[in-house]
N, C-alpha and C. Protein backbone atom coordinates (compact mmCIF):
# COMPACT_ATOMS: atom_id res chain seq x y z
N UNK A 1 -20.32 33.66 -15.24
CA UNK A 1 -18.79 33.86 -15.11
C UNK A 1 -18.38 32.47 -15.37
N UNK A 2 -17.39 32.00 -15.92
CA UNK A 2 -16.85 30.65 -15.99
C UNK A 2 -15.46 30.83 -15.44
N UNK A 3 -15.62 30.10 -14.08
CA UNK A 3 -14.12 30.13 -13.33
C UNK A 3 -13.47 28.55 -13.57
N UNK A 4 -12.43 28.66 -13.96
CA UNK A 4 -11.50 27.16 -13.92
C UNK A 4 -11.25 26.71 -12.59
N UNK A 5 -10.88 25.69 -12.01
CA UNK A 5 -10.49 25.16 -10.80
C UNK A 5 -8.74 25.42 -10.88
N UNK A 6 -8.28 25.66 -9.84
CA UNK A 6 -6.93 25.68 -9.74
C UNK A 6 -6.60 24.19 -8.98
N UNK A 7 -5.36 23.83 -9.12
CA UNK A 7 -4.73 22.66 -8.79
C UNK A 7 -5.54 22.51 -7.40
N UNK A 8 -5.33 23.68 -6.57
CA UNK A 8 -5.41 23.54 -5.22
C UNK A 8 -6.95 23.35 -4.92
N UNK A 9 -7.64 23.80 -5.79
CA UNK A 9 -9.17 23.48 -6.01
C UNK A 9 -9.44 22.13 -6.02
N UNK A 10 -8.85 21.40 -6.92
CA UNK A 10 -9.00 19.94 -7.24
C UNK A 10 -8.17 18.77 -6.72
N UNK A 11 -7.60 19.64 -5.48
CA UNK A 11 -6.75 18.46 -4.50
C UNK A 11 -7.52 18.26 -3.49
N UNK A 12 -8.95 17.03 -3.97
CA UNK A 12 -9.30 16.66 -2.62
C UNK A 12 -9.10 15.47 -2.54
N UNK A 13 -9.31 15.15 -0.80
CA UNK A 13 -8.82 13.86 -0.57
C UNK A 13 -9.54 12.75 -1.44
N UNK A 14 -8.93 11.91 -1.44
CA UNK A 14 -9.51 10.26 -2.09
C UNK A 14 -9.25 10.52 -3.35
N UNK A 15 -8.88 11.57 -4.40
CA UNK A 15 -8.61 11.72 -5.63
C UNK A 15 -7.07 11.72 -5.82
N UNK A 16 -6.21 10.82 -6.38
CA UNK A 16 -5.08 10.90 -6.38
C UNK A 16 -4.89 11.08 -8.46
N UNK A 17 -3.71 12.18 -8.73
CA UNK A 17 -3.48 12.53 -9.81
C UNK A 17 -2.04 11.89 -10.51
N UNK A 18 -1.79 11.29 -11.30
CA UNK A 18 -0.22 10.94 -11.65
C UNK A 18 -0.22 11.51 -13.28
N UNK A 19 1.09 12.48 -13.16
CA UNK A 19 1.35 12.99 -14.62
C UNK A 19 2.94 12.73 -14.40
N UNK A 20 3.11 12.72 -15.94
CA UNK A 20 4.70 12.39 -16.26
C UNK A 20 5.12 13.92 -15.84
N UNK A 21 6.45 13.99 -15.14
CA UNK A 21 7.02 14.80 -14.40
C UNK A 21 7.88 15.51 -15.82
N UNK A 22 8.32 15.16 -16.83
CA UNK A 22 9.00 15.42 -17.83
C UNK A 22 10.18 15.60 -17.49
N UNK A 23 10.96 15.32 -16.29
CA UNK A 23 12.42 15.25 -16.11
C UNK A 23 13.35 14.17 -16.32
N UNK A 24 12.51 13.10 -16.56
CA UNK A 24 13.17 11.85 -16.91
C UNK A 24 12.28 11.02 -17.77
N UNK A 25 12.63 9.69 -18.04
CA UNK A 25 11.71 9.17 -19.33
C UNK A 25 10.33 8.78 -18.67
N UNK A 26 10.73 7.95 -17.19
CA UNK A 26 9.30 7.67 -16.36
C UNK A 26 8.71 8.14 -15.02
N UNK A 27 9.72 9.02 -15.13
CA UNK A 27 9.58 10.14 -13.71
C UNK A 27 7.81 10.49 -13.87
N UNK A 28 6.98 10.30 -12.55
CA UNK A 28 5.90 10.54 -12.71
C UNK A 28 5.73 11.32 -11.27
N UNK A 29 5.19 12.45 -11.47
CA UNK A 29 4.27 13.30 -10.44
C UNK A 29 3.25 12.92 -9.66
N UNK A 30 2.93 12.90 -8.38
CA UNK A 30 1.79 12.10 -8.02
C UNK A 30 1.26 13.35 -6.83
N UNK A 31 0.18 13.55 -7.30
CA UNK A 31 -0.44 14.71 -6.26
C UNK A 31 -1.78 13.87 -5.39
N UNK A 32 -1.81 13.74 -4.23
CA UNK A 32 -2.74 12.96 -3.51
C UNK A 32 -3.20 13.89 -2.56
N UNK A 33 -4.36 14.13 -2.71
CA UNK A 33 -4.77 15.47 -1.96
C UNK A 33 -3.88 16.68 -1.90
N UNK A 34 -3.52 17.16 -0.75
CA UNK A 34 -2.76 18.33 -0.90
C UNK A 34 -1.12 17.68 -0.82
N UNK A 35 -0.95 16.86 -0.79
CA UNK A 35 0.26 16.06 -0.76
C UNK A 35 1.19 15.39 -2.00
N UNK A 36 2.00 15.46 -2.25
CA UNK A 36 2.74 15.05 -3.55
C UNK A 36 4.11 14.14 -3.48
N UNK A 37 4.00 13.34 -4.13
CA UNK A 37 5.26 12.52 -4.10
C UNK A 37 5.81 11.87 -5.48
N UNK A 38 7.00 11.16 -5.80
CA UNK A 38 7.35 10.81 -7.05
C UNK A 38 7.26 9.59 -6.67
N UNK A 39 7.52 8.55 -8.37
CA UNK A 39 7.41 7.87 -8.71
C UNK A 39 8.14 7.60 -9.95
N UNK A 40 8.91 6.29 -9.88
CA UNK A 40 10.02 6.29 -10.91
C UNK A 40 10.53 5.24 -10.89
N UNK A 41 11.06 4.36 -12.15
CA UNK A 41 11.60 3.07 -12.38
C UNK A 41 13.17 3.08 -12.00
N UNK A 42 13.71 2.12 -11.12
CA UNK A 42 15.17 2.08 -10.97
C UNK A 42 15.96 2.15 -12.18
N UNK A 43 17.21 2.61 -12.11
CA UNK A 43 18.29 2.71 -13.09
C UNK A 43 18.63 0.99 -13.36
N UNK A 44 18.74 0.71 -14.79
CA UNK A 44 18.89 1.58 -15.86
C UNK A 44 17.55 1.63 -16.86
N UNK A 45 16.28 1.28 -16.21
CA UNK A 45 15.49 1.89 -16.98
C UNK A 45 14.76 3.22 -16.77
N UNK A 46 14.60 3.28 -15.77
CA UNK A 46 14.37 4.70 -15.15
C UNK A 46 15.43 5.85 -14.21
N UNK A 47 15.31 6.87 -14.12
CA UNK A 47 16.16 7.53 -13.38
C UNK A 47 16.34 7.59 -11.55
N UNK A 48 15.59 6.19 -11.15
CA UNK A 48 15.49 6.22 -9.95
C UNK A 48 15.22 7.40 -9.01
N UNK A 49 14.33 8.36 -9.00
CA UNK A 49 14.34 9.13 -8.53
C UNK A 49 12.77 9.12 -7.32
N UNK A 50 12.66 8.29 -7.21
CA UNK A 50 11.45 7.84 -6.51
C UNK A 50 10.99 6.32 -6.19
N UNK A 51 10.21 5.64 -5.48
CA UNK A 51 9.46 4.74 -5.15
C UNK A 51 8.91 4.12 -6.50
N UNK A 52 9.12 2.91 -6.73
CA UNK A 52 8.74 2.35 -7.98
C UNK A 52 6.99 1.90 -7.91
N UNK A 53 6.32 2.23 -8.80
CA UNK A 53 5.07 1.72 -8.56
C UNK A 53 4.50 0.37 -7.59
N UNK A 54 5.27 -0.80 -7.40
CA UNK A 54 5.05 -1.57 -6.47
C UNK A 54 5.72 -1.53 -5.19
N UNK A 55 6.40 -0.56 -4.92
CA UNK A 55 7.10 -0.12 -3.96
C UNK A 55 5.77 0.86 -3.27
N UNK A 56 4.89 1.83 -4.04
CA UNK A 56 4.13 2.78 -3.53
C UNK A 56 2.97 1.79 -3.09
N UNK A 57 2.64 0.50 -3.74
CA UNK A 57 1.50 -0.29 -3.60
C UNK A 57 1.99 -1.16 -2.09
N UNK A 58 3.06 -1.33 -2.13
CA UNK A 58 3.61 -1.89 -0.75
C UNK A 58 3.20 -1.12 0.38
N UNK A 59 3.98 0.30 0.30
CA UNK A 59 3.76 1.00 1.08
C UNK A 59 2.07 1.34 1.47
N UNK A 60 1.23 1.34 0.61
CA UNK A 60 -0.04 1.55 0.99
C UNK A 60 -0.55 0.26 1.61
N UNK A 61 -0.22 -0.72 1.57
CA UNK A 61 -0.54 -1.85 2.12
C UNK A 61 0.06 -1.67 3.81
N UNK A 62 1.17 -1.85 3.54
CA UNK A 62 2.01 -1.44 5.27
C UNK A 62 1.48 -0.43 6.05
N UNK A 63 1.67 0.72 5.48
CA UNK A 63 0.87 1.57 6.43
C UNK A 63 -0.78 1.68 6.62
N UNK A 64 -1.60 1.14 5.68
CA UNK A 64 -2.57 0.69 6.40
C UNK A 64 -3.03 -0.33 7.73
N UNK A 65 -1.79 -1.26 7.38
CA UNK A 65 -1.71 -2.19 8.39
C UNK A 65 -1.40 -2.06 9.87
N UNK A 66 -0.55 -0.78 9.47
CA UNK A 66 -0.24 -0.41 10.98
C UNK A 66 -0.99 0.42 11.29
N UNK A 67 -1.53 1.09 10.59
CA UNK A 67 -2.48 2.03 11.23
C UNK A 67 -3.82 1.25 11.85
N UNK A 68 -4.38 0.20 10.92
CA UNK A 68 -5.46 -0.41 11.61
C UNK A 68 -5.45 -1.25 12.74
N UNK A 69 -4.11 -1.67 13.07
CA UNK A 69 -3.31 -2.13 14.23
C UNK A 69 -3.51 -1.36 15.27
N UNK A 70 -2.45 -0.22 15.12
CA UNK A 70 -2.30 0.54 16.25
C UNK A 70 -3.68 1.13 16.66
N UNK A 71 -4.77 1.66 15.42
CA UNK A 71 -6.43 1.98 16.09
C UNK A 71 -7.14 1.05 17.04
N UNK A 72 -6.94 0.08 16.78
CA UNK A 72 -7.22 -1.71 17.22
C UNK A 72 -6.91 -1.32 18.93
N UNK A 73 -5.66 -1.37 18.88
CA UNK A 73 -4.66 -1.42 20.25
C UNK A 73 -4.95 -0.33 20.84
N UNK A 74 -5.31 0.98 20.42
CA UNK A 74 -5.50 2.35 21.37
C UNK A 74 -6.96 2.09 21.58
N UNK A 75 -8.11 1.50 20.70
CA UNK A 75 -9.17 1.18 21.55
C UNK A 75 -9.32 0.64 22.25
N UNK A 76 -8.69 -0.51 22.60
CA UNK A 76 -8.81 -1.62 23.56
C UNK A 76 -7.85 -1.27 24.84
N UNK A 77 -6.98 -0.10 24.59
CA UNK A 77 -6.15 0.11 25.67
C UNK A 77 -4.96 -0.84 26.03
N UNK A 78 -4.37 -1.21 24.65
CA UNK A 78 -3.52 -2.25 24.89
C UNK A 78 -2.08 -1.99 25.06
N UNK A 79 -1.00 -2.13 25.42
CA UNK A 79 0.26 -1.65 25.87
C UNK A 79 0.92 -1.93 24.66
N UNK A 80 0.78 -1.31 23.27
CA UNK A 80 1.45 -1.91 22.09
C UNK A 80 2.16 -0.25 21.76
N UNK A 81 3.75 -0.56 21.93
CA UNK A 81 4.34 0.86 21.93
C UNK A 81 5.00 1.14 20.12
N UNK A 82 4.69 0.22 19.16
CA UNK A 82 5.39 0.41 18.37
C UNK A 82 4.91 -1.09 17.29
N UNK A 83 4.44 -0.33 16.03
CA UNK A 83 4.17 -1.29 15.10
C UNK A 83 5.41 -1.45 13.70
N UNK A 84 5.93 -2.35 13.17
CA UNK A 84 6.53 -2.15 12.38
C UNK A 84 6.17 -3.42 10.97
N UNK A 85 5.77 -2.96 9.77
CA UNK A 85 5.53 -3.63 8.57
C UNK A 85 6.36 -3.81 7.56
N UNK A 86 6.69 -4.84 7.06
CA UNK A 86 7.96 -4.97 6.24
C UNK A 86 7.73 -5.91 5.14
N UNK A 87 7.44 -5.37 3.87
CA UNK A 87 6.74 -5.99 3.11
C UNK A 87 7.71 -6.33 1.36
N UNK A 88 7.19 -7.39 0.85
CA UNK A 88 8.13 -7.96 -0.30
C UNK A 88 7.27 -8.18 -1.32
N UNK A 89 7.19 -7.90 -2.56
CA UNK A 89 6.31 -8.54 -4.00
C UNK A 89 7.25 -9.11 -4.39
N UNK A 90 6.50 -10.22 -4.95
CA UNK A 90 7.33 -11.13 -6.14
C UNK A 90 6.12 -12.10 -6.89
N UNK A 91 6.49 -12.31 -7.80
CA UNK A 91 5.90 -13.29 -9.26
C UNK A 91 6.24 -14.49 -8.79
N UNK A 92 5.53 -15.31 -8.53
CA UNK A 92 5.72 -16.94 -8.31
C UNK A 92 5.10 -17.82 -8.81
N UNK A 93 5.34 -19.10 -9.81
CA UNK A 93 4.79 -19.66 -10.44
C UNK A 93 2.95 -20.51 -9.47
N UNK A 94 2.13 -20.23 -10.18
CA UNK A 94 0.76 -20.74 -9.66
C UNK A 94 1.02 -22.04 -9.17
N UNK A 95 2.01 -23.10 -9.84
CA UNK A 95 1.62 -24.45 -9.15
C UNK A 95 2.63 -24.42 -7.65
N UNK A 96 3.38 -23.37 -7.70
CA UNK A 96 4.03 -23.79 -6.47
C UNK A 96 3.06 -22.79 -5.31
N UNK A 97 2.07 -22.45 -5.38
CA UNK A 97 1.13 -21.91 -4.70
C UNK A 97 -0.10 -22.80 -4.04
N UNK A 98 0.23 -23.32 -2.61
CA UNK A 98 -0.47 -24.12 -2.42
C UNK A 98 -2.05 -23.59 -1.91
N UNK A 99 -2.09 -22.16 -1.83
CA UNK A 99 -3.50 -22.20 -1.44
C UNK A 99 -4.04 -20.71 -2.70
N UNK A 100 -3.59 -20.85 -3.75
CA UNK A 100 -4.24 -19.83 -4.56
C UNK A 100 -5.33 -20.57 -5.31
N UNK A 101 -6.02 -20.25 -6.00
CA UNK A 101 -7.21 -20.80 -6.83
C UNK A 101 -6.52 -21.11 -8.30
N UNK A 102 -5.60 -20.07 -8.51
CA UNK A 102 -4.59 -19.92 -9.90
C UNK A 102 -3.64 -21.15 -9.88
N UNK A 103 -3.75 -22.30 -10.78
CA UNK A 103 -2.98 -23.13 -10.58
C UNK A 103 -1.94 -23.27 -12.32
N UNK A 104 -1.92 -22.14 -12.88
CA UNK A 104 -1.42 -22.03 -14.27
C UNK A 104 -0.90 -20.82 -14.21
N UNK A 105 0.42 -20.57 -14.92
CA UNK A 105 0.91 -19.03 -14.97
C UNK A 105 1.50 -18.85 -13.81
N UNK A 106 1.33 -17.19 -13.80
CA UNK A 106 2.11 -16.69 -12.30
C UNK A 106 1.15 -16.00 -11.37
N UNK A 107 1.22 -15.83 -10.54
CA UNK A 107 0.68 -15.41 -9.12
C UNK A 107 1.37 -14.13 -8.72
N UNK A 108 1.06 -13.09 -8.41
CA UNK A 108 1.23 -12.27 -7.61
C UNK A 108 1.26 -12.47 -5.76
N UNK A 109 2.49 -12.41 -5.48
CA UNK A 109 2.86 -12.82 -4.13
C UNK A 109 3.13 -11.57 -3.08
N UNK A 110 2.95 -11.19 -1.87
CA UNK A 110 3.18 -10.37 -1.09
C UNK A 110 3.67 -11.17 0.33
N UNK A 111 4.92 -10.72 0.43
CA UNK A 111 5.16 -11.29 1.95
C UNK A 111 5.30 -10.07 2.76
N UNK A 112 4.34 -10.25 4.08
CA UNK A 112 4.01 -9.03 4.96
C UNK A 112 4.47 -9.54 6.54
N UNK A 113 5.80 -9.00 7.02
CA UNK A 113 6.03 -9.50 8.54
C UNK A 113 5.88 -8.13 8.99
N UNK A 114 5.06 -8.71 10.22
CA UNK A 114 4.44 -7.56 11.24
C UNK A 114 5.27 -7.86 12.58
N UNK A 115 5.71 -6.59 13.02
CA UNK A 115 6.67 -6.61 14.33
C UNK A 115 5.96 -5.99 15.21
N UNK A 116 5.48 -6.33 16.32
CA UNK A 116 4.52 -5.94 17.28
C UNK A 116 5.61 -5.65 18.86
N UNK A 117 5.85 -4.23 19.11
CA UNK A 117 6.65 -4.32 20.32
C UNK A 117 5.54 -3.54 21.15
N UNK A 118 5.75 -4.08 22.63
CA UNK A 118 5.22 -3.65 23.29
C UNK A 118 4.91 -4.78 24.62
N UNK A 119 4.53 -4.85 25.71
CA UNK A 119 3.98 -5.80 26.74
C UNK A 119 2.83 -6.52 26.52
N UNK A 120 2.86 -7.25 25.47
CA UNK A 120 1.30 -7.76 24.97
C UNK A 120 1.39 -9.20 25.57
N UNK A 121 0.43 -9.63 25.91
CA UNK A 121 0.10 -10.94 26.22
C UNK A 121 -0.06 -11.81 24.57
N UNK A 122 0.03 -13.24 24.58
CA UNK A 122 -0.11 -13.99 23.42
C UNK A 122 -1.31 -13.50 22.82
N UNK A 123 -2.70 -13.57 23.85
CA UNK A 123 -3.77 -13.43 23.23
C UNK A 123 -4.12 -12.21 22.08
N UNK A 124 -3.33 -11.09 22.66
CA UNK A 124 -3.25 -9.59 22.46
C UNK A 124 -2.61 -9.61 20.76
N UNK A 125 -1.26 -10.20 20.96
CA UNK A 125 -0.52 -10.15 19.64
C UNK A 125 -1.41 -11.18 18.66
N UNK A 126 -1.69 -12.40 19.29
CA UNK A 126 -2.14 -13.31 17.92
C UNK A 126 -3.87 -12.20 17.47
N UNK A 127 -4.56 -11.60 18.43
CA UNK A 127 -5.84 -10.79 17.79
C UNK A 127 -5.07 -9.69 17.05
N UNK A 128 -3.97 -8.65 17.53
CA UNK A 128 -3.67 -7.92 16.61
C UNK A 128 -3.36 -8.30 14.96
N UNK A 129 -2.65 -9.44 15.05
CA UNK A 129 -2.29 -10.21 13.64
C UNK A 129 -3.51 -10.48 12.83
N UNK A 130 -4.35 -10.97 13.42
CA UNK A 130 -5.89 -11.38 12.89
C UNK A 130 -6.46 -9.69 12.46
N UNK A 131 -6.61 -8.71 13.28
CA UNK A 131 -6.73 -7.55 12.80
C UNK A 131 -5.87 -6.75 11.75
N UNK A 132 -4.77 -6.92 11.27
CA UNK A 132 -4.32 -6.47 10.55
C UNK A 132 -4.70 -7.09 9.10
N UNK A 133 -5.38 -8.11 9.11
CA UNK A 133 -6.12 -8.83 7.63
C UNK A 133 -7.32 -8.02 7.16
N UNK A 134 -7.95 -6.95 8.07
CA UNK A 134 -8.99 -6.15 8.20
C UNK A 134 -8.56 -5.21 7.90
N UNK A 135 -7.25 -4.48 7.48
CA UNK A 135 -7.14 -3.13 7.10
C UNK A 135 -7.88 -3.06 5.64
N UNK A 136 -8.42 -1.94 5.47
CA UNK A 136 -9.13 -1.77 4.19
C UNK A 136 -7.93 -2.47 3.09
N UNK A 137 -6.96 -1.54 2.94
CA UNK A 137 -6.36 -1.94 1.45
C UNK A 137 -6.20 -3.40 1.17
N UNK A 138 -5.64 -4.15 2.33
CA UNK A 138 -5.52 -5.60 2.77
C UNK A 138 -6.87 -6.17 1.96
N UNK A 139 -8.03 -5.57 2.63
CA UNK A 139 -8.84 -6.26 2.11
C UNK A 139 -9.70 -5.77 0.55
N UNK A 140 -9.27 -4.89 0.25
CA UNK A 140 -9.18 -4.30 -1.55
C UNK A 140 -8.34 -5.48 -2.24
N UNK A 141 -7.22 -5.56 -1.79
CA UNK A 141 -6.16 -6.28 -2.59
C UNK A 141 -6.52 -8.02 -2.80
N UNK A 142 -7.15 -8.41 -2.01
CA UNK A 142 -7.49 -9.83 -1.66
C UNK A 142 -8.99 -9.64 -2.13
N UNK A 143 -9.92 -8.91 -2.57
CA UNK A 143 -10.93 -9.33 -2.93
C UNK A 143 -10.95 -9.07 -4.53
N UNK A 144 -12.56 -8.98 -5.29
CA UNK A 144 -12.45 -8.83 -6.60
C UNK A 144 -12.60 -7.23 -6.83
N UNK A 145 -11.22 -6.78 -7.60
CA UNK A 145 -11.57 -5.19 -8.05
C UNK A 145 -11.90 -4.77 -9.11
N UNK A 146 -12.89 -3.65 -9.44
CA UNK A 146 -13.34 -3.71 -10.67
C UNK A 146 -12.59 -2.13 -11.10
N UNK A 147 -12.17 -2.16 -12.32
CA UNK A 147 -11.46 -0.80 -12.70
C UNK A 147 -11.83 -0.20 -13.55
N UNK A 148 -12.40 1.00 -13.91
CA UNK A 148 -12.87 1.36 -14.98
C UNK A 148 -12.19 2.75 -15.43
N UNK A 149 -11.83 2.33 -16.74
CA UNK A 149 -10.61 3.31 -17.64
C UNK A 149 -11.57 3.94 -18.66
N UNK A 150 -11.33 5.33 -18.68
CA UNK A 150 -12.24 6.53 -19.79
C UNK A 150 -11.33 7.11 -20.11
């Protein structure tokens, strides 16, 4: 007997499926495990029904940063009350980037501001900022990434 998997059966953690929603020119339906979201382009290009792909990328980095900092502070028993991460993406001229290997053309640049609320001393704050760079998404974005397309 050949049983076809249902959407629920294929909704496994670690697998993301993106499908045109059919409701707008660029509107995309995203399934991530059991979760659903929508992505789109802003008007006038798209219908602005969801965050842009770069917004989603920044969201992944911000969420991972916050979670990583929170996990570390909790493990240490530090009085971290709240983490807030604000991010912006832009493209800059490579020649304007002092610490970039690329010197010609454009470079993607992400500004990440981390706000730590709580009765933390300076050494704890400094350590949490160092830990932020160890979030897995940050490490992925700053390493060589190989994508296989089939």
